[in-house]
């Protein structure tokens, strides 16, 4: 039961890392693209 919970936590942790990387890409697009675009 402990091992199962540990592996479930690891899966959630990996999913969170994946989501974090996707969000980081979006944030990078915002920070690296918008300074060169005129702000309306």
N, C-alpha and C. Protein backbone atom coordinates (compact mmCIF):
# COMPACT_ATOMS: atom_id res chain seq x y z
N UNK A 1 0.84 -1.20 0.00
CA UNK A 1 0.00 0.00 0.00
C UNK A 1 0.87 1.25 0.00
N UNK A 2 1.95 1.21 0.78
CA UNK A 2 2.85 2.37 0.79
C UNK A 2 3.51 2.53 -0.57
N UNK A 3 3.95 1.41 -1.16
CA UNK A 3 4.60 1.48 -2.47
C UNK A 3 3.63 2.02 -3.52
N UNK A 4 2.37 1.58 -3.42
CA UNK A 4 1.39 2.04 -4.41
C UNK A 4 1.20 3.55 -4.27
N UNK A 5 1.07 4.04 -3.05
CA UNK A 5 0.92 5.47 -2.86
C UNK A 5 2.14 6.22 -3.36
N UNK A 6 3.31 5.66 -3.13
CA UNK A 6 4.54 6.31 -3.58
C UNK A 6 4.56 6.41 -5.10
N UNK A 7 4.17 5.34 -5.79
CA UNK A 7 4.21 5.38 -7.25
C UNK A 7 3.14 6.34 -7.78
N UNK A 8 1.99 6.40 -7.11
CA UNK A 8 0.96 7.35 -7.54
C UNK A 8 1.47 8.78 -7.35
N UNK A 9 2.15 9.03 -6.25
CA UNK A 9 2.71 10.36 -6.02
C UNK A 9 3.74 10.70 -7.09
N UNK A 10 4.54 9.71 -7.47
CA UNK A 10 5.55 9.94 -8.51
C UNK A 10 4.87 10.29 -9.82
N UNK A 11 3.79 9.59 -10.16
CA UNK A 11 3.09 9.87 -11.41
C UNK A 11 2.52 11.29 -11.38
N UNK A 12 1.91 11.67 -10.26
CA UNK A 12 1.39 13.04 -10.15
C UNK A 12 2.51 14.05 -10.25
N UNK A 13 3.64 13.73 -9.61
CA UNK A 13 4.79 14.63 -9.65
C UNK A 13 5.27 14.82 -11.09
N UNK A 14 5.35 13.71 -11.84
CA UNK A 14 5.79 13.81 -13.24
C UNK A 14 4.78 14.60 -14.06
N UNK A 15 3.47 14.40 -13.81
CA UNK A 15 2.46 15.16 -14.54
C UNK A 15 2.61 16.65 -14.22
N UNK A 16 2.85 16.97 -12.95
CA UNK A 16 3.01 18.36 -12.57
C UNK A 16 4.23 18.97 -13.24
N UNK A 17 5.31 18.21 -13.34
CA UNK A 17 6.50 18.72 -14.02
C UNK A 17 6.18 18.99 -15.49
N UNK A 18 5.45 18.07 -16.13
CA UNK A 18 5.11 18.24 -17.54
C UNK A 18 4.26 19.50 -17.71
N UNK A 19 3.26 19.67 -16.85
CA UNK A 19 2.40 20.85 -16.92
C UNK A 19 3.23 22.11 -16.67
N UNK A 20 4.14 22.03 -15.70
CA UNK A 20 4.97 23.19 -15.40
C UNK A 20 5.82 23.57 -16.59
N UNK A 21 6.37 22.58 -17.29
CA UNK A 21 7.17 22.89 -18.47
C UNK A 21 6.31 23.52 -19.56
N UNK A 22 5.08 23.02 -19.74
CA UNK A 22 4.19 23.62 -20.74
C UNK A 22 3.88 25.07 -20.36
N UNK A 23 3.57 25.31 -19.08
CA UNK A 23 3.30 26.68 -18.65
C UNK A 23 4.53 27.55 -18.83
N UNK A 24 5.71 26.98 -18.55
CA UNK A 24 6.94 27.74 -18.71
C UNK A 24 7.12 28.15 -20.16
N UNK A 25 6.81 27.26 -21.10
CA UNK A 25 6.91 27.61 -22.52
C UNK A 25 5.97 28.77 -22.84
N UNK A 26 4.73 28.72 -22.32
CA UNK A 26 3.79 29.82 -22.57
C UNK A 26 4.31 31.11 -21.99
N UNK A 27 4.83 31.04 -20.77
CA UNK A 27 5.35 32.24 -20.12
C UNK A 27 6.55 32.77 -20.90
N UNK A 28 7.40 31.88 -21.36
CA UNK A 28 8.56 32.31 -22.15
C UNK A 28 8.09 32.99 -23.43
N UNK A 29 7.06 32.44 -24.08
CA UNK A 29 6.54 33.08 -25.28
C UNK A 29 6.06 34.49 -24.94
N UNK A 30 5.36 34.63 -23.83
CA UNK A 30 4.87 35.96 -23.44
C UNK A 30 6.04 36.91 -23.20
N UNK A 31 7.05 36.44 -22.47
CA UNK A 31 8.14 37.33 -22.09
C UNK A 31 9.07 37.62 -23.26
N UNK A 32 9.26 36.64 -24.14
CA UNK A 32 10.24 36.83 -25.21
C UNK A 32 9.61 37.40 -26.47
N UNK A 33 8.29 37.28 -26.62
CA UNK A 33 7.65 37.79 -27.82
C UNK A 33 7.07 39.18 -27.56
N UNK A 34 6.32 39.35 -26.48
CA UNK A 34 5.58 40.59 -26.30
C UNK A 34 6.45 41.85 -26.15
N UNK A 35 7.67 41.78 -25.60
CA UNK A 35 8.47 43.01 -25.54
C UNK A 35 8.76 43.58 -26.93
N UNK A 36 8.74 42.73 -27.97
CA UNK A 36 9.03 43.20 -29.32
C UNK A 36 7.75 43.58 -30.06
N UNK A 37 6.61 43.32 -29.42
CA UNK A 37 5.34 43.68 -30.05
C UNK A 37 4.86 44.99 -29.42
N UNK A 38 4.23 45.86 -30.19
CA UNK A 38 3.67 47.07 -29.59
C UNK A 38 2.56 46.70 -28.61
N UNK A 39 2.56 47.32 -27.44
CA UNK A 39 1.52 47.05 -26.44
C UNK A 39 0.37 48.00 -26.69
N UNK A 40 -0.81 47.43 -26.94
CA UNK A 40 -1.97 48.28 -27.24
C UNK A 40 -2.73 48.62 -25.96
